[in-house]
Amino acid sequence: MHCAKCGKLAAADDAFCSGCGSPLDRQAPVPSGRATSSDPSTPPQTADGALEARVAALEHRLPNSNIISKKFWSRAFAVLGHDVSAILAIYAVIFAVALVFMLIGAIISGLSK
């Protein structure tokens, strides 16, 4: 069933629309000119519908990660893991650049002897 006010798809047992909050009329037809598909690729007709479609499309692209978990400790350790990975990557680059400079310095000092 769809909301008569905004056209959002609602569950059969919902009393109010989750999009606009208006009471759902069980006999109301779907308004014309509104997107009736829950497919995020369908262009909606309203600004709210456009935002909902964009959020739905982005949610499909999110990785299966604990970054968006509802549990605090899962999120905390996921963030910590991402931080540690980023720090290790940065320090690996710094170490490689320092190693190159040390090798160049060793070659130059070896040639001057």
Foldseek 3Di string as FASTA:
>chain_A
DAAQPQRDDDDPPDQADPQPGHGGDPPDDRDPQADNDPQLVDCGDDPSNVVVSVVVVVVVVDDPALCPPPDDVRNVVRVVVVVVVVVVVVVVVVVVVVVVVVVVVVVVVVVVD
